[in-house]
Amino acid sequence: MSIATERLSMLRRLAYRQAGQVVLCIIHRRGFHSVSISTSGRSRGQIALTPLDIYDKRSGRPHPVKAEREIIITLGGSIAERLATGQSEWRGTGRDLLGASQTIDLASELCPSHESARAYLRYLWLRTRDTLADPDHWMAVQLVAAELIDRRRVSGRRARQLFREATRNGQ
């Protein structure tokens, strides 16, 4: 595989990973400003999220709905990549690994045992996969990914516009 072909493949993977997360942000009403990808530097894909505190101020524990939404969005990147390419690249950036670790920690805080946390994560993985595999949602992922590959950065406004175009008849 040539360097140019390998770079395009990496760019495509990154685009689908970020597009999957952005589409889930839109579906779950999680604020973000923009999404970008790059084939250079340490941070290859980034979503500029609006600040969010998922912890309940009184109990100090994660708010279940907010925490679940964050877990779903985190899982969505690798799921979208897998749906697009047939496999997920786990040699990603440290940020991806940190996100996965934080996701497991969050699920553990929501569940009484390690076994139930694993089952909960599996349920959320399946639910997220089914959400992204929905034809209208998948079209939105494809549109955002294509724009990311072409422009390297998509504003939140443009991503939401692409989502509306893709789901016009479906939602």
Foldseek 3Di string as FASTA:
>chain_A
DDPVVVLLLVLLLQLQLQLQLLLLCVVLVFAWWKWFADSDDQDGIDTHGDDDDQADPPPRAGPVSVLLSLLLSLLRRQLSSCVVPVGGDPVHHVVNVVSVVVNLVNLPSVDPDNVVSVVVSVVSNVVSNVVCPPQLNVQLSVVSSVVCSVPRMDTSVRSVVSSCVSCVPPD
